[in-house]
Each structure stands twice: as structure tokens, then as C-alpha cells.
C-alpha atoms as a PDB file:
ATOM      1  CA  MET A   1     141.549  80.410 155.025  1.00  0.00           C
ATOM      2  CA  ILE A   2     138.637  82.676 154.429  1.00  0.00           C
ATOM      3  CA  GLU A   3     140.760  85.701 153.767  1.00  0.00           C
ATOM      4  CA  GLU A   4     142.767  83.683 151.242  1.00  0.00           C
ATOM      5  CA  GLN A   5     139.632  82.551 149.299  1.00  0.00           C
ATOM      6  CA  TRP A   6     138.295  86.221 149.607  1.00  0.00           C
ATOM      7  CA  SER A   7     141.497  87.526 148.064  1.00  0.00           C
ATOM      8  CA  GLN A   8     141.243  84.903 145.265  1.00  0.00           C
ATOM      9  CA  PHE A   9     137.625  86.013 144.649  1.00  0.00           C
ATOM     10  CA  ILE A  10     138.615  89.558 144.429  1.00  0.00           C
ATOM     11  CA  GLY A  11     141.518  88.875 142.130  1.00  0.00           C
ATOM     12  CA  PHE A  12     139.159  86.854 139.893  1.00  0.00           C
ATOM     13  CA  LEU A  13     136.487  89.591 139.722  1.00  0.00           C
ATOM     14  CA  GLN A  14     139.257  92.191 139.120  1.00  0.00           C
ATOM     15  CA  GLN A  15     140.050  90.792 135.786  1.00  0.00           C
ATOM     16  CA  TYR A  16     136.556  91.504 134.540  1.00  0.00           C
ATOM     17  CA  VAL A  17     135.275  94.411 136.664  1.00  0.00           C
ATOM     18  CA  VAL A  18     138.331  96.733 136.767  1.00  0.00           C
ATOM     19  CA  PRO A  19     139.186  98.191 133.405  1.00  0.00           C
ATOM     20  CA  ASP A  20     142.570  98.505 131.824  1.00  0.00           C
ATOM     21  CA  TRP A  21     142.611 102.385 131.810  1.00  0.00           C
ATOM     22  CA  GLY A  22     145.494 102.477 129.422  1.00  0.00           C
ATOM     23  CA  SER A  23     143.781 100.620 126.631  1.00  0.00           C
ATOM     24  CA  LEU A  24     140.456 102.562 127.171  1.00  0.00           C
ATOM     25  CA  VAL A  25     142.352 105.917 126.794  1.00  0.00           C
ATOM     26  CA  ASN A  26     143.827 104.697 123.656  1.00  0.00           C
ATOM     27  CA  LEU A  27     140.406 103.758 122.385  1.00  0.00           C
ATOM     28  CA  LEU A  28     139.050 107.356 122.963  1.00  0.00           C
ATOM     29  CA  PRO A  29     139.536 108.638 119.472  1.00  0.00           C
ATOM     30  CA  VAL A  30     137.593 105.585 118.132  1.00  0.00           C
ATOM     31  CA  PHE A  31     134.682 106.170 120.417  1.00  0.00           C
ATOM     32  CA  LEU A  32     134.823 109.841 119.444  1.00  0.00           C
ATOM     33  CA  LEU A  33     134.701 108.985 115.819  1.00  0.00           C
ATOM     34  CA  ILE A  34     131.756 106.624 116.310  1.00  0.00           C
ATOM     35  CA  LEU A  35     129.889 109.348 118.201  1.00  0.00           C
ATOM     36  CA  ILE A  36     130.503 111.747 115.490  1.00  0.00           C
ATOM     37  CA  VAL A  37     129.371 109.349 112.730  1.00  0.00           C
ATOM     38  CA  VAL A  38     126.246 108.607 114.811  1.00  0.00           C
ATOM     39  CA  VAL A  39     125.400 112.307 115.262  1.00  0.00           C
ATOM     40  CA  LEU A  40     125.959 113.176 111.559  1.00  0.00           C
ATOM     41  CA  GLY A  41     123.904 110.291 110.455  1.00  0.00           C
ATOM     42  CA  TRP A  42     121.138 111.077 112.646  1.00  0.00           C
ATOM     43  CA  THR A  43     121.233 114.752 111.472  1.00  0.00           C
ATOM     44  CA  PHE A  44     121.217 113.827 107.730  1.00  0.00           C
ATOM     45  CA  TYR A  45     118.363 111.236 108.282  1.00  0.00           C
ATOM     46  CA  ARG A  46     116.300 113.983 109.973  1.00  0.00           C
ATOM     47  CA  LEU A  47     117.122 116.479 107.119  1.00  0.00           C
ATOM     48  CA  LEU A  48     116.220 114.001 104.521  1.00  0.00           C
ATOM     49  CA  THR A  49     112.914 113.016 106.178  1.00  0.00           C
ATOM     50  CA  ALA A  50     111.877 116.533 107.105  1.00  0.00           C
ATOM     51  CA  GLY A  51     108.137 117.572 106.456  1.00  0.00           C
ATOM     52  CA  PRO A  52     107.115 120.754 104.713  1.00  0.00           C
ATOM     53  CA  THR A  53     108.958 123.883 105.436  1.00  0.00           C
ATOM     54  CA  ARG A  54     105.868 126.042 106.190  1.00  0.00           C
ATOM     55  CA  ARG A  55     104.313 125.796 109.520  1.00  0.00           C
ATOM     56  CA  GLY A  56     101.055 127.151 110.873  1.00  0.00           C
ATOM     57  CA  LYS A  57      97.979 128.251 109.158  1.00  0.00           C
ATOM     58  CA  ARG A  58      98.081 128.142 105.325  1.00  0.00           C
ATOM     59  CA  ARG A  59      96.260 130.345 102.803  1.00  0.00           C
ATOM     60  CA  LEU A  60      92.937 128.745 101.702  1.00  0.00           C
ATOM     61  CA  PRO A  61      91.986 129.024  98.085  1.00  0.00           C
ATOM     62  CA  PRO A  62      89.478 131.839  97.503  1.00  0.00           C
ATOM     63  CA  VAL A  63      85.882 130.749  97.462  1.00  0.00           C
ATOM     64  CA  PRO A  64      83.114 132.897  95.596  1.00  0.00           C
ATOM     65  CA  PRO A  65      80.386 134.162  97.909  1.00  0.00           C
ATOM     66  CA  PRO A  66      77.186 132.218  97.931  1.00  0.00           C
ATOM     67  CA  GLY A  67      74.761 133.075  95.073  1.00  0.00           C
ATOM     68  CA  THR A  68      77.530 133.871  92.547  1.00  0.00           C
ATOM     69  CA  HIS A  69      78.624 131.672  89.652  1.00  0.00           C
ATOM     70  CA  MET A  70      81.928 131.111  87.934  1.00  0.00           C
ATOM     71  CA  PRO A  71      82.330 133.220  84.742  1.00  0.00           C
ATOM     72  CA  ALA A  72      81.563 131.282  81.490  1.00  0.00           C
ATOM     73  CA  ARG A  73      84.446 130.138  79.531  1.00  0.00           C
ATOM     74  CA  ARG A  74      85.445 132.491  76.829  1.00  0.00           C
ATOM     75  CA  SER A  75      86.564 131.282  73.479  1.00  0.00           C
ATOM     76  CA  PRO A  76      90.009 132.380  72.275  1.00  0.00           C
ATOM     77  CA  PRO A  77      90.410 135.514  70.112  1.00  0.00           C
ATOM     78  CA  SER A  78      89.522 135.045  66.473  1.00  0.00           C
ATOM     79  CA  SER A  79      93.136 135.296  65.429  1.00  0.00           C
ATOM     80  CA  ALA A  80      93.945 132.349  67.613  1.00  0.00           C
ATOM     81  CA  ARG A  81      91.007 130.394  66.365  1.00  0.00           C
ATOM     82  CA  SER A  82      91.896 130.939  62.789  1.00  0.00           C
ATOM     83  CA  ALA A  83      95.658 130.085  63.306  1.00  0.00           C
ATOM     84  CA  ARG A  84      94.530 126.932  65.241  1.00  0.00           C
ATOM     85  CA  SER A  85      92.287 125.815  62.242  1.00  0.00           C
ATOM     86  CA  CYS A  86      94.885 126.304  59.498  1.00  0.00           C
ATOM     87  CA  SER A  87      96.580 123.198  58.149  1.00  0.00           C
ATOM     88  CA  SER A  88      99.760 125.071  57.312  1.00  0.00           C
ATOM     89  CA  PRO A  89     101.655 127.535  59.504  1.00  0.00           C
ATOM     90  CA  PRO A  90     100.676 131.100  58.868  1.00  0.00           C
ATOM     91  CA  SER A  91     103.149 133.387  57.252  1.00  0.00           C
ATOM     92  CA  TRP A  92     104.128 136.842  58.043  1.00  0.00           C
ATOM     93  CA  SER A  93     102.938 138.224  54.734  1.00  0.00           C
ATOM     94  CA  ALA A  94      99.305 136.822  55.186  1.00  0.00           C
ATOM     95  CA  GLU A  95      96.592 138.969  56.510  1.00  0.00           C
ATOM     96  CA  PRO A  96      95.613 138.312  60.090  1.00  0.00           C
ATOM     97  CA  GLY A  97      92.929 135.849  60.400  1.00  0.00           C
ATOM     98  CA  SER A  98      93.291 134.294  56.921  1.00  0.00           C
ATOM     99  CA  CYS A  99      94.820 130.788  56.500  1.00  0.00           C
ATOM    100  CA  SER A 100      96.034 131.565  53.003  1.00  0.00           C
ATOM    101  CA  GLY A 101      99.835 131.388  52.426  1.00  0.00           C
ATOM    102  CA  PRO A 102     101.920 134.197  51.024  1.00  0.00           C
ATOM    103  CA  ARG A 103     100.256 136.338  48.399  1.00  0.00           C
ATOM    104  CA  SER A 104     101.372 135.599  44.883  1.00  0.00           C
END
């Protein structure tokens, strides 16, 4: 009687514990495809969220030594100043620095 109950219990567990190897082998391509998609997805995610490409120490902007001052701003050359102040565009026949149009 105990052996019969034990056999029924093992038969019941066998349905859930022991896999159907034939169907699992048939599902291997599906599992492999899922694995490939996960790996490629993770790789693209890491590439898209990657940080800066330079690593290590970065070059600092130059700092003038103490006691020195930055040079004063220079005004543009006279030809650029005069061309900027003209209301009409300069022509090729006009003399440099003049805002007059072509000579007549």
C-alpha cells in the first residue's frame, strides 16, 4: 500500500519536474534568438549611453602668470572700420577706406 502511494506520488511529480526533452530541444533556436536579441540590445544601449571618449587627465586652459594682464582689445583695422560704417556696399573701383561709390 505504501509503495503504491509512493509510485502515484512520483508519477504526479514526474509530470511537473521531469521535462519533455524533445520539446525543449525543439525550442533551442527560440532561446538562442532571445539570447542574441538581449545581448545586441544591451550592447546598443551601452553604446548609446556611453560617456566621453577621452579618459584620463584633460588639458587645462592656459592661465597667465600672476601679475600679468590680458592685452587690451584692439579696434579693427581702418579699412574694416570704414566698410562697416558705410550704408552701401563698397565697390571695387572706390579707393580703400572711402565710402563713396564708383567714380563718375
